[in-house]
């Protein structure tokens, strides 16, 4: 996040980092995840013993629709 803030004039990297940390903490407390976390968690499930092989045996292809409102 600091790298992004450093590229934008007038943006304080410390403020960006604080907002990011607060948002992440509130999301954990609320038990919610964002779209990127959904994708990462799905991929990590495929690495678990037996799960990746089972999914591969069920489908030849998987279509992911990333349309967001």
C-alpha atoms as a PDB file:
ATOM      1  CA  UNK A   1       0.000   0.000   0.000  1.00  0.00           C
ATOM      2  CA  UNK A   2       2.807   2.414   0.802  1.00  0.00           C
ATOM      3  CA  UNK A   3       4.152   1.965  -2.728  1.00  0.00           C
ATOM      4  CA  UNK A   4       0.828   3.012  -4.207  1.00  0.00           C
ATOM      5  CA  UNK A   5       0.520   5.999  -1.900  1.00  0.00           C
ATOM      6  CA  UNK A   6       4.050   7.097  -2.764  1.00  0.00           C
ATOM      7  CA  UNK A   7       3.066   7.339  -6.435  1.00  0.00           C
ATOM      8  CA  UNK A   8       0.152   9.702  -5.802  1.00  0.00           C
ATOM      9  CA  UNK A   9       1.012  13.320  -4.965  1.00  0.00           C
ATOM     10  CA  UNK A  10      -0.600  14.575  -1.762  1.00  0.00           C
ATOM     11  CA  UNK A  11      -1.305  11.104  -0.356  1.00  0.00           C
ATOM     12  CA  UNK A  12       0.223  10.284   3.026  1.00  0.00           C
ATOM     13  CA  UNK A  13       1.526   6.691   3.013  1.00  0.00           C
ATOM     14  CA  UNK A  14       1.060   6.423   6.781  1.00  0.00           C
ATOM     15  CA  UNK A  15      -2.624   7.333   6.464  1.00  0.00           C
ATOM     16  CA  UNK A  16      -3.110   4.815   3.651  1.00  0.00           C
ATOM     17  CA  UNK A  17      -1.428   2.102   5.734  1.00  0.00           C
ATOM     18  CA  UNK A  18      -3.582   2.935   8.762  1.00  0.00           C
ATOM     19  CA  UNK A  19      -6.806   2.831   6.744  1.00  0.00           C
ATOM     20  CA  UNK A  20      -5.753  -0.469   5.170  1.00  0.00           C
ATOM     21  CA  UNK A  21      -4.985  -1.995   8.592  1.00  0.00           C
ATOM     22  CA  UNK A  22      -8.247  -0.720  10.111  1.00  0.00           C
ATOM     23  CA  UNK A  23     -10.240  -2.059   7.176  1.00  0.00           C
ATOM     24  CA  UNK A  24      -8.569  -5.480   7.409  1.00  0.00           C
ATOM     25  CA  UNK A  25      -9.219  -5.645  11.155  1.00  0.00           C
ATOM     26  CA  UNK A  26     -12.888  -4.660  10.805  1.00  0.00           C
ATOM     27  CA  UNK A  27     -13.351  -7.245   8.055  1.00  0.00           C
ATOM     28  CA  UNK A  28     -11.891  -9.964  10.314  1.00  0.00           C
ATOM     29  CA  UNK A  29     -14.148  -8.897  13.193  1.00  0.00           C
ATOM     30  CA  UNK A  30     -17.194  -8.930  10.904  1.00  0.00           C
ATOM     31  CA  UNK A  31     -16.192 -12.296   9.426  1.00  0.00           C
ATOM     32  CA  UNK A  32     -16.209 -11.071   5.843  1.00  0.00           C
ATOM     33  CA  UNK A  33     -13.713 -11.328   3.008  1.00  0.00           C
ATOM     34  CA  UNK A  34     -13.300  -9.358  -0.200  1.00  0.00           C
ATOM     35  CA  UNK A  35     -13.307 -10.670  -3.753  1.00  0.00           C
ATOM     36  CA  UNK A  36      -9.532 -11.113  -3.940  1.00  0.00           C
ATOM     37  CA  UNK A  37      -9.555 -13.119  -0.703  1.00  0.00           C
ATOM     38  CA  UNK A  38     -12.283 -15.342  -2.124  1.00  0.00           C
ATOM     39  CA  UNK A  39     -10.085 -16.221  -5.085  1.00  0.00           C
ATOM     40  CA  UNK A  40      -7.017 -16.839  -2.906  1.00  0.00           C
ATOM     41  CA  UNK A  41      -8.945 -19.056  -0.498  1.00  0.00           C
ATOM     42  CA  UNK A  42     -10.389 -21.091  -3.339  1.00  0.00           C
ATOM     43  CA  UNK A  43      -6.909 -21.636  -4.745  1.00  0.00           C
ATOM     44  CA  UNK A  44      -5.534 -22.628  -1.340  1.00  0.00           C
ATOM     45  CA  UNK A  45      -8.303 -25.215  -0.975  1.00  0.00           C
ATOM     46  CA  UNK A  46      -7.120 -26.874  -4.175  1.00  0.00           C
ATOM     47  CA  UNK A  47      -3.704 -27.386  -2.557  1.00  0.00           C
ATOM     48  CA  UNK A  48      -5.168 -29.418   0.305  1.00  0.00           C
ATOM     49  CA  UNK A  49      -4.646 -33.189   0.090  1.00  0.00           C
ATOM     50  CA  UNK A  50      -7.423 -34.856  -1.862  1.00  0.00           C
ATOM     51  CA  UNK A  51      -9.385 -31.726  -2.692  1.00  0.00           C
ATOM     52  CA  UNK A  52      -7.500 -30.637  -5.832  1.00  0.00           C
ATOM     53  CA  UNK A  53      -7.567 -34.153  -7.266  1.00  0.00           C
ATOM     54  CA  UNK A  54     -11.279 -34.502  -6.490  1.00  0.00           C
ATOM     55  CA  UNK A  55     -12.128 -31.224  -8.204  1.00  0.00           C
ATOM     56  CA  UNK A  56     -10.057 -32.212 -11.235  1.00  0.00           C
ATOM     57  CA  UNK A  57     -11.966 -35.499 -11.447  1.00  0.00           C
ATOM     58  CA  UNK A  58     -15.345 -33.718 -11.400  1.00  0.00           C
ATOM     59  CA  UNK A  59     -14.853 -31.138 -14.139  1.00  0.00           C
ATOM     60  CA  UNK A  60     -12.771 -30.697 -17.274  1.00  0.00           C
ATOM     61  CA  UNK A  61     -13.122 -26.912 -17.205  1.00  0.00           C
ATOM     62  CA  UNK A  62     -14.163 -24.240 -14.734  1.00  0.00           C
ATOM     63  CA  UNK A  63     -15.519 -20.865 -15.836  1.00  0.00           C
ATOM     64  CA  UNK A  64     -14.991 -17.960 -13.455  1.00  0.00           C
ATOM     65  CA  UNK A  65     -17.224 -14.955 -13.928  1.00  0.00           C
ATOM     66  CA  UNK A  66     -15.519 -11.944 -12.394  1.00  0.00           C
ATOM     67  CA  UNK A  67     -18.330  -9.508 -13.175  1.00  0.00           C
ATOM     68  CA  UNK A  68     -18.876  -7.104 -10.304  1.00  0.00           C
ATOM     69  CA  UNK A  69     -21.603  -4.535  -9.877  1.00  0.00           C
END
